[in-house]
C-alpha cells in the first residue's frame, strides 16, 4: 500500500504527527493510498517554511516576469506529466478519462498560462496631485496564504489557487480535501521542477476539522481562499474575524438553467445534460434546476430523456464514458437521500433515480444513475437545497416574470444560464438574475478569463479572471513629499 504525506520545501515527509487516513477509489470503494495527516506542529513547520521562502532573496529577487516564466513552465510540465496526473485523478476521484484528458488537463494549463501572462501586469494608480507631493496607490502580496480545496476538482482547483497567488507574489500552502489529496502533492513537486523556489508552494494534508482549523487560526497565514460548502465557509469567515484575516470564499450553488419557448431546444437540452451531469453533478456552477416554459415542456422533456439515454455511465477508463461515480461515500448517500425526498414531496422520476449495480472490481463503488425529477415546485427541497449530485429538478414556468422569480428564490447566487433567441430578453435577464455569472445560449464557457464573483450565500470575493489575481493583493496608498517647501498639513 502506497503512502503519501505533506510537502515541505518540495519534499514529501512522513513524520507528520497526525493520524493516518485512507484514500478511497470511489469507482471501486477500495483503499488505494494511506495518507499521513498534519498535526499542529507539522502545520507550524509548513507555515515557517512558507515564511522563509516568501522573504528569501530567491523569491523577493525574482521579477514579476520571472514569476510568470515559472508559471508558464509549470503549465508545460502539467501537459508533459498529463498521463501521471490523469492516473492520480482517476484513482482518487473516479472521473472519466475523457473528462480529464480533454477538459481538466487543458483547463489547468490554461489557468497557469493566463496568470503567467498577468504576473507583470499588476498596476497601481497615480492619484490627484497637490503642490509638492506625489500621491499613488500600489499593490503588494499578502505573504503566506492558504488555499483550502474541495474534493470535486482537485487538480483544477489547485491551479486556481496557486497560479494567482504566485503571480501576485505570495507563498501558498495548499490543503487539499482529505478525500482527494493525490494530485496536489504531485503538483507541488512539479512547482519545484518549474523553478519555483522551495517552500513557496507547500502542501498540508488532513481533515478540514483539524489541519484546516490549524491553518485558519494560524497567525502566520495572512489570507484564506476556500472553495467548498456554505456552512464551512461561514465558519471560516467567523474564525478569520478574530485576526482580521482576508478571506475569499466560493461556496454552494443551486443554479438555474432557464429555457424559453423560442430557444434552440436541442442545444438547450445538451446544455442541461452537460451542466447537470458532468462530474456526476459535483460542480458548484452546474445548473441543477431546469426551468422550462410551459408551452414547450412536454416536447423538451422528450428531447431531454432521449439525450440522457445516450449518456454512458461506467468504467472511468473507458474513453466513451461520460459520467463516473460519486467521489465520496458521504455525498453518494446524500444524493440518494434527496432522490427519496423528491418522491416524498410528490415529485416524479422521469429518468434514473436508482443506485447502479456493477460487477467485478466496481461492485462497491459509489454509482448513481443520472436522475431527472419532474413535477417539482419551486419551494420543494430538491429545488432549493444544494444536492451536489446527478439530480436535475425540472420546474415549469408561465412567463419571463415567473422565471425570474423562481430563479431568484433560492439563497444561493453563483451561476445561471438563459436560453432564448430574443436578445432583448437575454439582456433583461442578465440584469434581473441574482447570480455572479450568467451564460446566455452557452454553458460553462469563458474560463479562465472570465471571473466568478459569487452572490448571496454563494460566497465572497472572486475567483479567476484578472479580478481573481487582484484578490491575492493588498492595496497600499502613499503620499510622497518631494519639495522642501511642502507644508506639513497644519500650521502649528
Protein backbone atom coordinates (compact mmCIF):
# COMPACT_ATOMS: atom_id res chain seq x y z
CA UNK A 1 0.00 0.00 0.00
CA UNK A 2 1.47 3.35 -1.04
CA UNK A 3 1.65 6.22 1.44
CA UNK A 4 1.64 9.97 0.79
CA UNK A 5 2.43 12.85 3.08
CA UNK A 6 2.52 16.66 3.07
CA UNK A 7 5.03 18.63 1.01
CA UNK A 8 7.53 20.94 2.74
CA UNK A 9 10.29 22.65 0.76
CA UNK A 10 9.50 20.41 -2.19
CA UNK A 11 9.91 17.17 -0.24
CA UNK A 12 7.22 14.69 0.78
CA UNK A 13 7.50 13.98 4.51
CA UNK A 14 6.01 11.13 6.51
CA UNK A 15 6.76 12.19 10.10
CA UNK A 16 3.71 14.41 10.45
CA UNK A 17 2.48 13.74 13.98
CA UNK A 18 -1.09 13.31 12.80
CA UNK A 19 -3.43 10.46 12.05
CA UNK A 20 -3.34 8.15 9.03
CA UNK A 21 -6.39 8.32 6.73
CA UNK A 22 -7.32 6.03 3.86
CA UNK A 23 -7.68 7.43 0.36
CA UNK A 24 -10.58 5.63 -1.36
CA UNK A 25 -11.09 5.00 -5.05
CA UNK A 26 -14.78 5.87 -5.50
CA UNK A 27 -15.11 3.67 -8.56
CA UNK A 28 -14.29 0.58 -6.51
CA UNK A 29 -14.73 1.60 -2.88
CA UNK A 30 -11.23 0.26 -2.19
CA UNK A 31 -8.35 1.92 -0.32
CA UNK A 32 -5.61 2.98 -2.73
CA UNK A 33 -3.28 5.10 -0.56
CA UNK A 34 -2.54 5.79 3.07
CA UNK A 35 -2.38 9.49 3.88
CA UNK A 36 -0.19 10.94 6.65
CA UNK A 37 -2.04 13.95 8.11
CA UNK A 38 -0.57 17.01 9.79
CA UNK A 39 -0.79 17.81 13.47
CA UNK A 40 -0.45 21.40 14.76
CA UNK A 41 3.35 21.17 14.99
CA UNK A 42 3.56 19.99 11.38
CA UNK A 43 1.40 22.92 10.25
CA UNK A 44 3.69 25.26 12.20
CA UNK A 45 6.65 23.82 10.30
CA UNK A 46 4.86 24.25 6.96
CA UNK A 47 3.95 27.88 7.71
CA UNK A 48 7.51 28.60 8.85
CA UNK A 49 8.79 27.14 5.57
CA UNK A 50 6.42 29.36 3.60
CA UNK A 51 7.50 32.47 5.52
CA UNK A 52 11.19 31.74 4.97
CA UNK A 53 10.57 31.17 1.28
CA UNK A 54 8.46 34.32 0.90
CA UNK A 55 11.17 36.52 2.46
CA UNK A 56 14.04 34.76 0.68
CA UNK A 57 16.23 36.50 -1.88
CA UNK A 58 15.24 33.78 -4.35
CA UNK A 59 11.60 34.91 -4.29
CA UNK A 60 11.88 38.60 -3.44
CA UNK A 61 14.60 38.98 -6.04
CA UNK A 62 12.58 37.30 -8.77
CA UNK A 63 10.91 39.79 -11.10
CA UNK A 64 7.19 39.59 -11.89
CA UNK A 65 8.04 38.39 -15.38
CA UNK A 66 10.32 35.78 -13.82
CA UNK A 67 7.43 34.51 -11.71
CA UNK A 68 5.33 34.41 -14.87
CA UNK A 69 8.04 32.40 -16.62
CA UNK A 70 7.93 29.81 -13.81
CA UNK A 71 4.15 29.52 -14.14
CA UNK A 72 4.47 29.13 -17.89
CA UNK A 73 6.98 26.32 -17.39
CA UNK A 74 4.64 24.76 -14.81
CA UNK A 75 1.86 24.70 -17.43
CA UNK A 76 4.21 22.87 -19.80
CA UNK A 77 5.03 20.36 -17.06
CA UNK A 78 1.35 19.72 -16.37
CA UNK A 79 0.94 18.77 -20.02
CA UNK A 80 4.16 16.72 -20.04
CA UNK A 81 3.03 14.82 -16.94
CA UNK A 82 -0.60 14.60 -18.09
CA UNK A 83 -0.69 10.79 -18.02
CA UNK A 84 0.54 10.66 -14.42
CA UNK A 85 -1.83 13.40 -13.26
CA UNK A 86 -4.75 11.72 -15.03
CA UNK A 87 -3.93 8.43 -13.33
CA UNK A 88 -3.88 10.12 -9.91
CA UNK A 89 -7.20 11.84 -10.59
CA UNK A 90 -8.71 8.59 -11.86
CA UNK A 91 -7.71 6.86 -8.67
CA UNK A 92 -8.98 9.32 -6.10
CA UNK A 93 -11.95 10.90 -7.94
CA UNK A 94 -13.16 8.23 -10.38
CA UNK A 95 -13.55 10.88 -13.09
CA UNK A 96 -13.92 9.66 -16.67
CA UNK A 97 -10.64 9.75 -18.52
CA UNK A 98 -12.25 11.75 -21.34
CA UNK A 99 -13.22 14.49 -18.89
CA UNK A 100 -9.69 14.63 -17.53
CA UNK A 101 -7.76 14.45 -20.79
CA UNK A 102 -10.00 16.72 -22.87
CA UNK A 103 -11.19 19.09 -20.15
CA UNK A 104 -9.32 19.32 -16.89
CA UNK A 105 -5.71 18.98 -18.03
CA UNK A 106 -6.15 21.69 -20.72
CA UNK A 107 -8.04 23.94 -18.28
CA UNK A 108 -5.36 23.53 -15.61
CA UNK A 109 -2.66 24.50 -18.10
CA UNK A 110 -4.76 27.43 -19.37
CA UNK A 111 -5.21 28.81 -15.85
CA UNK A 112 -1.46 28.65 -15.26
CA UNK A 113 -0.69 30.36 -18.57
CA UNK A 114 -3.30 33.07 -18.00
CA UNK A 115 -1.75 34.09 -14.69
CA UNK A 116 1.76 33.66 -16.07
CA UNK A 117 0.90 36.40 -18.54
CA UNK A 118 -0.75 38.52 -15.84
CA UNK A 119 2.13 38.42 -13.34
CA UNK A 120 3.81 41.58 -14.68
CA UNK A 121 0.56 43.47 -15.24
CA UNK A 122 -0.38 44.39 -11.68
CA UNK A 123 -0.66 48.17 -11.82
CA UNK A 124 -1.19 50.86 -9.22
CA UNK A 125 -2.66 54.29 -9.88
CA UNK A 126 -1.42 57.85 -9.55
CA UNK A 127 -3.94 60.00 -7.70
CA UNK A 128 -4.54 63.72 -7.96
CA UNK A 129 -1.53 65.96 -7.33
CA UNK A 130 -1.21 68.64 -4.73
CA UNK A 131 1.68 71.07 -4.54
CA UNK A 132 4.91 69.29 -3.68
CA UNK A 133 3.53 65.77 -3.29
CA UNK A 134 3.08 62.65 -5.38
CA UNK A 135 0.07 60.55 -4.37
CA UNK A 136 -0.37 56.99 -5.57
CA UNK A 137 -1.67 53.51 -4.77
CA UNK A 138 0.13 50.23 -5.31
CA UNK A 139 -0.47 46.54 -4.67
CA UNK A 140 1.57 44.09 -2.63
CA UNK A 141 1.35 40.37 -1.86
CA UNK A 142 -0.14 39.30 1.46
CA UNK A 143 2.73 36.97 2.34
CA UNK A 144 1.82 33.36 3.15
CA UNK A 145 -1.71 32.48 2.10
CA UNK A 146 -3.70 29.27 2.44
CA UNK A 147 -5.72 27.63 -0.31
CA UNK A 148 -8.25 25.14 1.06
CA UNK A 149 -9.60 22.93 -1.71
CA UNK A 150 -12.78 20.93 -2.32
CA UNK A 151 -12.76 17.30 -3.41
CA UNK A 152 -14.69 17.69 -6.66
CA UNK A 153 -11.98 19.26 -8.90
CA UNK A 154 -8.70 18.78 -7.04
CA UNK A 155 -6.28 19.47 -9.90
CA UNK A 156 -8.14 22.41 -11.44
CA UNK A 157 -8.68 23.97 -8.01
CA UNK A 158 -5.03 23.72 -7.03
CA UNK A 159 -4.16 25.68 -10.17
CA UNK A 160 -6.94 28.21 -9.43
CA UNK A 161 -5.35 28.92 -6.03
CA UNK A 162 -1.64 28.59 -6.80
CA UNK A 163 -1.45 30.50 -10.09
CA UNK A 164 -2.91 33.86 -8.99
CA UNK A 165 -1.31 33.62 -5.54
CA UNK A 166 2.17 33.22 -7.05
CA UNK A 167 1.59 35.74 -9.83
CA UNK A 168 0.76 38.27 -7.10
CA UNK A 169 3.99 37.36 -5.29
CA UNK A 170 2.70 35.30 -2.37
CA UNK A 171 3.77 31.96 -0.96
CA UNK A 172 0.90 29.48 -0.62
CA UNK A 173 0.03 26.45 1.46
CA UNK A 174 -2.41 24.12 -0.24
CA UNK A 175 -4.73 21.99 1.88
CA UNK A 176 -6.46 19.55 -0.47
CA UNK A 177 -9.54 17.65 0.63
CA UNK A 178 -8.70 14.65 2.76
CA UNK A 179 -10.68 12.62 0.19
CA UNK A 180 -8.64 13.69 -2.87
CA UNK A 181 -5.05 14.63 -1.98
CA UNK A 182 -3.05 12.86 -4.68
CA UNK A 183 -2.75 15.41 -7.49
CA UNK A 184 -1.98 18.32 -5.13
CA UNK A 185 1.12 16.53 -3.84
CA UNK A 186 2.34 15.85 -7.38
CA UNK A 187 1.53 19.43 -8.44
CA UNK A 188 3.68 20.85 -5.63
CA UNK A 189 6.60 18.71 -6.76
CA UNK A 190 6.17 19.99 -10.32
CA UNK A 191 6.33 23.56 -8.96
CA UNK A 192 9.88 22.93 -7.80
CA UNK A 193 10.78 21.49 -11.21
CA UNK A 194 9.36 24.63 -12.83
CA UNK A 195 11.87 26.81 -10.98
CA UNK A 196 9.57 28.00 -8.20
CA UNK A 197 11.75 28.21 -5.06
CA UNK A 198 11.26 25.52 -2.43
CA UNK A 199 8.74 26.46 0.25
CA UNK A 200 6.73 28.80 -1.98
CA UNK A 201 4.21 26.03 -2.64
CA UNK A 202 3.76 23.66 0.31
CA UNK A 203 1.00 21.11 0.92
CA UNK A 204 -0.66 20.35 4.27
CA UNK A 205 -2.66 17.13 4.43
CA UNK A 206 -5.51 16.23 6.74
CA UNK A 207 -9.13 16.77 7.63
CA UNK A 208 -10.66 20.20 7.49
CA UNK A 209 -11.72 19.93 11.12
CA UNK A 210 -8.07 19.56 12.17
CA UNK A 211 -5.49 20.57 9.60
CA UNK A 212 -7.85 23.11 8.09
CA UNK A 213 -8.53 24.63 11.50
CA UNK A 214 -4.81 24.90 12.24
CA UNK A 215 -4.35 26.89 9.02
CA UNK A 216 -7.39 29.11 9.56
CA UNK A 217 -6.30 30.07 13.06
CA UNK A 218 -2.56 30.30 12.40
CA UNK A 219 -1.29 33.91 12.76
CA UNK A 220 1.29 33.30 10.03
CA UNK A 221 -1.46 32.85 7.42
CA UNK A 222 -2.47 36.25 6.07
CA UNK A 223 -5.28 35.26 3.70
CA UNK A 224 -7.51 32.23 3.21
CA UNK A 225 -9.02 31.19 -0.10
CA UNK A 226 -11.61 28.44 0.36
CA UNK A 227 -13.82 26.57 -2.05
CA UNK A 228 -16.47 24.31 -0.54
CA UNK A 229 -19.76 24.31 1.33
CA UNK A 230 -21.54 27.41 2.58
CA UNK A 231 -21.64 26.06 6.14
CA UNK A 232 -17.85 25.65 6.29
CA UNK A 233 -17.35 28.99 4.54
CA UNK A 234 -19.41 30.74 7.21
CA UNK A 235 -17.28 29.07 9.89
CA UNK A 236 -14.05 30.19 8.21
CA UNK A 237 -15.27 33.76 7.95
CA UNK A 238 -16.20 33.83 11.64
CA UNK A 239 -12.81 32.44 12.64
CA UNK A 240 -10.92 34.86 10.37
CA UNK A 241 -12.56 37.87 12.03
CA UNK A 242 -10.51 37.32 15.20
CA UNK A 243 -7.31 38.17 13.28
CA UNK A 244 -8.96 40.41 10.64
CA UNK A 245 -7.68 37.88 8.14
CA UNK A 246 -8.66 38.34 4.49
CA UNK A 247 -10.90 35.60 3.10
CA UNK A 248 -12.09 34.55 -0.33
CA UNK A 249 -14.99 32.09 -0.32
CA UNK A 250 -16.56 30.24 -3.26
CA UNK A 251 -19.38 28.24 -1.73
CA UNK A 252 -22.60 26.47 -2.62
CA UNK A 253 -24.92 26.91 -5.56
CA UNK A 254 -28.42 25.98 -6.63
CA UNK A 255 -28.23 27.37 -10.10
CA UNK A 256 -30.95 27.56 -12.73
CA UNK A 257 -30.89 27.00 -16.47
CA UNK A 258 -33.91 28.77 -17.99
CA UNK A 259 -35.29 27.54 -21.31
CA UNK A 260 -37.82 29.76 -23.13
CA UNK A 261 -40.16 28.57 -25.86
CA UNK A 262 -38.13 30.32 -28.58
CA UNK A 263 -34.87 28.60 -27.62
CA UNK A 264 -32.98 26.08 -29.71
CA UNK A 265 -34.34 23.12 -27.75
CA UNK A 266 -31.75 20.64 -28.97
CA UNK A 267 -28.85 22.81 -27.85
CA UNK A 268 -30.60 23.76 -24.61
CA UNK A 269 -31.13 20.09 -23.81
CA UNK A 270 -27.46 19.36 -24.47
CA UNK A 271 -26.54 22.20 -22.12
CA UNK A 272 -28.89 20.97 -19.41
CA UNK A 273 -27.49 17.43 -19.61
CA UNK A 274 -23.86 18.60 -19.57
CA UNK A 275 -24.41 21.07 -16.76
CA UNK A 276 -26.37 18.72 -14.53
CA UNK A 277 -24.37 15.54 -15.01
CA UNK A 278 -20.76 16.45 -15.81
CA UNK A 279 -18.62 15.18 -12.93
CA UNK A 280 -21.74 13.35 -11.69
CA UNK A 281 -23.30 16.71 -10.78
CA UNK A 282 -20.49 17.52 -8.34
CA UNK A 283 -19.84 21.05 -9.58
CA UNK A 284 -20.73 24.29 -7.80
CA UNK A 285 -21.63 26.19 -11.00
CA UNK A 286 -23.73 23.37 -12.51
CA UNK A 287 -27.38 24.16 -13.10
CA UNK A 288 -29.33 21.58 -11.12
CA UNK A 289 -32.64 23.43 -11.55
CA UNK A 290 -34.09 23.27 -15.06
CA UNK A 291 -36.79 25.89 -15.65
CA UNK A 292 -38.77 25.24 -18.85
CA UNK A 293 -41.60 27.36 -20.29
CA UNK A 294 -44.92 25.52 -20.10
CA UNK A 295 -45.63 25.75 -23.82
CA UNK A 296 -42.63 23.55 -24.69
CA UNK A 297 -42.45 21.47 -21.51
CA UNK A 298 -43.69 18.19 -22.99
CA UNK A 299 -41.53 18.47 -26.11
CA UNK A 300 -38.46 19.41 -24.11
CA UNK A 301 -38.89 16.52 -21.69
CA UNK A 302 -38.90 14.10 -24.61
CA UNK A 303 -35.73 15.59 -26.07
CA UNK A 304 -34.08 15.54 -22.65
CA UNK A 305 -34.95 11.91 -21.92
CA UNK A 306 -33.69 10.79 -25.31
CA UNK A 307 -30.35 12.54 -24.82
CA UNK A 308 -29.99 11.17 -21.30
CA UNK A 309 -30.39 7.65 -22.64
CA UNK A 310 -27.25 8.14 -24.74
CA UNK A 311 -25.16 9.22 -21.77
CA UNK A 312 -22.73 6.43 -20.95
CA UNK A 313 -22.13 5.80 -17.25
CA UNK A 314 -19.48 3.33 -16.14
CA UNK A 315 -15.79 2.49 -16.27
CA UNK A 316 -13.84 5.77 -15.91
CA UNK A 317 -11.04 4.35 -18.05
CA UNK A 318 -13.36 3.77 -21.00
CA UNK A 319 -12.94 6.79 -23.34
CA UNK A 320 -16.66 6.65 -24.19
CA UNK A 321 -17.74 7.04 -20.55
CA UNK A 322 -19.16 10.48 -19.76
CA UNK A 323 -20.32 10.01 -16.15
CA UNK A 324 -18.38 8.30 -13.39
CA UNK A 325 -19.15 7.59 -9.73
CA UNK A 326 -19.81 9.98 -6.89
CA UNK A 327 -16.46 10.95 -5.40
CA UNK A 328 -17.21 10.42 -1.70
CA UNK A 329 -19.38 7.93 0.12
CA UNK A 330 -20.98 10.73 2.15
CA UNK A 331 -22.07 12.60 -0.98
CA UNK A 332 -23.29 9.37 -2.54
CA UNK A 333 -25.55 8.82 0.47
CA UNK A 334 -26.71 12.44 0.34
CA UNK A 335 -27.72 12.26 -3.33
CA UNK A 336 -29.70 9.04 -2.77
CA UNK A 337 -31.42 10.65 0.21
CA UNK A 338 -32.53 13.62 -1.89
CA UNK A 339 -34.00 11.34 -4.54
CA UNK A 340 -36.13 9.80 -1.78
CA UNK A 341 -37.02 13.27 -0.51
CA UNK A 342 -38.17 14.24 -4.01
CA UNK A 343 -40.58 11.33 -4.32
CA UNK A 344 -41.78 12.02 -0.78
CA UNK A 345 -42.60 15.59 -1.85
CA UNK A 346 -44.81 14.28 -4.65
CA UNK A 347 -42.31 14.64 -7.49
CA UNK A 348 -41.91 12.05 -10.24
CA UNK A 349 -38.77 10.42 -11.61
CA UNK A 350 -38.57 10.93 -15.38
CA UNK A 351 -35.30 9.01 -15.66
CA UNK A 352 -32.74 7.38 -13.36
CA UNK A 353 -33.31 7.57 -9.63
CA UNK A 354 -31.51 4.41 -8.51
CA UNK A 355 -28.17 3.03 -7.46
CA UNK A 356 -26.22 1.39 -10.25
CA UNK A 357 -25.21 -2.21 -9.60
CA UNK A 358 -21.94 -3.07 -11.27
CA UNK A 359 -19.94 -6.27 -11.18
CA UNK A 360 -16.28 -7.03 -10.67
CA UNK A 361 -13.96 -4.53 -9.03
CA UNK A 362 -16.57 -1.73 -9.30
CA UNK A 363 -19.25 -3.55 -7.31
CA UNK A 364 -18.54 -1.48 -4.16
CA UNK A 365 -18.23 1.88 -5.95
CA UNK A 366 -20.41 4.95 -5.43
CA UNK A 367 -22.59 4.73 -8.52
CA UNK A 368 -25.91 6.55 -9.07
CA UNK A 369 -27.98 6.85 -12.25
CA UNK A 370 -28.20 10.37 -13.69
CA UNK A 371 -31.66 11.40 -12.47
CA UNK A 372 -34.30 13.82 -13.78
CA UNK A 373 -37.08 14.76 -11.37
CA UNK A 374 -40.31 16.25 -12.76
CA UNK A 375 -43.36 17.85 -11.20
CA UNK A 376 -41.07 19.89 -8.97
CA UNK A 377 -42.43 23.00 -7.27
CA UNK A 378 -40.17 25.99 -6.70
CA UNK A 379 -40.26 25.55 -2.92
CA UNK A 380 -39.54 21.80 -2.85
CA UNK A 381 -36.34 20.83 -1.06
CA UNK A 382 -34.88 19.37 -4.26
CA UNK A 383 -35.39 22.79 -5.83
CA UNK A 384 -33.93 24.89 -3.01
CA UNK A 385 -31.18 22.84 -1.34
CA UNK A 386 -27.83 22.00 -2.88
CA UNK A 387 -27.66 18.27 -3.65
CA UNK A 388 -24.23 18.18 -5.34
CA UNK A 389 -25.03 15.02 -7.20
CA UNK A 390 -26.51 13.81 -10.52
CA UNK A 391 -30.05 15.03 -9.80
CA UNK A 392 -31.78 17.54 -12.11
CA UNK A 393 -35.04 19.14 -10.93
CA UNK A 394 -37.41 20.20 -13.73
CA UNK A 395 -39.73 23.15 -12.96
CA UNK A 396 -42.21 24.74 -15.37
CA UNK A 397 -42.94 28.47 -15.66
CA UNK A 398 -45.53 30.58 -17.50
CA UNK A 399 -43.65 33.74 -18.46
CA UNK A 400 -40.48 35.72 -18.04
CA UNK A 401 -41.51 37.30 -14.75
CA UNK A 402 -42.19 33.92 -13.15
CA UNK A 403 -38.89 32.50 -14.45
CA UNK A 404 -37.01 35.36 -12.81
CA UNK A 405 -38.93 34.95 -9.56
CA UNK A 406 -38.24 31.21 -9.38
CA UNK A 407 -34.58 31.58 -10.29
CA UNK A 408 -34.00 34.24 -7.63
CA UNK A 409 -35.98 32.44 -4.91
CA UNK A 410 -33.06 30.41 -3.52
CA UNK A 411 -30.43 31.62 -1.06
CA UNK A 412 -27.55 30.98 -3.48
CA UNK A 413 -26.31 33.15 -6.33
CA UNK A 414 -23.37 31.59 -8.12
CA UNK A 415 -24.30 30.97 -11.76
CA UNK A 416 -27.15 30.66 -14.22
CA UNK A 417 -27.92 30.04 -17.88
CA UNK A 418 -30.57 31.54 -20.17
CA UNK A 419 -31.71 30.03 -23.47
CA UNK A 420 -33.64 32.31 -25.81
CA UNK A 421 -33.33 33.77 -29.31
CA UNK A 422 -34.69 37.10 -28.05
CA UNK A 423 -31.66 39.35 -27.49
CA UNK A 424 -33.67 41.92 -25.53
CA UNK A 425 -34.92 39.22 -23.18
CA UNK A 426 -31.41 37.86 -22.69
CA UNK A 427 -30.17 41.30 -21.60
CA UNK A 428 -33.17 41.81 -19.31
CA UNK A 429 -32.50 38.52 -17.56
CA UNK A 430 -28.78 39.20 -17.33
CA UNK A 431 -29.68 42.24 -15.25
CA UNK A 432 -32.54 40.64 -13.32
CA UNK A 433 -30.95 37.37 -12.17
CA UNK A 434 -29.18 37.47 -8.79
CA UNK A 435 -26.12 35.44 -9.74
CA UNK A 436 -22.44 36.14 -10.19
CA UNK A 437 -22.07 34.62 -13.66
CA UNK A 438 -24.69 34.11 -16.38
CA UNK A 439 -24.29 32.19 -19.62
CA UNK A 440 -26.66 33.04 -22.48
CA UNK A 441 -27.15 30.31 -25.10
CA UNK A 442 -23.99 28.61 -23.85
CA UNK A 443 -22.79 26.80 -20.76
CA UNK A 444 -19.63 26.89 -18.60
CA UNK A 445 -17.61 28.84 -21.16
CA UNK A 446 -15.09 31.68 -20.78
CA UNK A 447 -12.64 30.21 -18.25
CA UNK A 448 -10.11 31.33 -17.12
CA UNK A 449 -10.52 34.87 -18.50
CA UNK A 450 -13.97 35.44 -17.04
CA UNK A 451 -14.25 35.89 -13.28
CA UNK A 452 -16.62 34.02 -10.98
CA UNK A 453 -17.93 36.50 -8.38
CA UNK A 454 -20.38 34.72 -6.05
CA UNK A 455 -23.53 36.49 -4.85
CA UNK A 456 -25.70 35.93 -1.79
CA UNK A 457 -24.86 32.78 0.19
CA UNK A 458 -22.57 31.51 -2.56
CA UNK A 459 -19.62 33.37 -1.10
CA UNK A 460 -17.47 36.48 -1.02
CA UNK A 461 -14.60 37.69 -3.17
CA UNK A 462 -13.87 36.39 -6.64
CA UNK A 463 -12.09 33.58 -8.46
CA UNK A 464 -10.47 33.62 -11.92
CA UNK A 465 -10.02 36.49 -14.34
CA UNK A 466 -7.83 39.50 -13.59
CA UNK A 467 -10.11 40.15 -10.63
CA UNK A 468 -9.02 36.81 -9.21
CA UNK A 469 -5.39 37.95 -9.40
CA UNK A 470 -6.10 41.19 -7.56
CA UNK A 471 -7.85 39.21 -4.81
CA UNK A 472 -4.37 37.98 -3.79
CA UNK A 473 -3.03 41.55 -3.46
CA UNK A 474 -3.39 44.05 -0.65
CA UNK A 475 -3.57 47.73 -1.50
CA UNK A 476 -1.25 50.41 -0.17
CA UNK A 477 -1.50 54.19 -0.61
CA UNK A 478 1.40 56.64 -0.42
CA UNK A 479 1.78 60.41 -0.33
CA UNK A 480 5.39 61.41 -1.03
CA UNK A 481 6.51 64.97 -0.40
CA UNK A 482 9.29 65.86 -2.83
CA UNK A 483 9.57 69.61 -2.20
CA UNK A 484 11.17 71.11 0.92
CA UNK A 485 8.57 73.86 0.81
CA UNK A 486 5.64 71.44 1.09
CA UNK A 487 3.63 72.31 4.25
CA UNK A 488 3.25 69.59 6.88
CA UNK A 489 -0.51 69.96 6.84
CA UNK A 490 -1.34 72.22 9.73
CA UNK A 491 0.46 75.32 10.76
CA UNK A 492 1.48 74.71 14.36
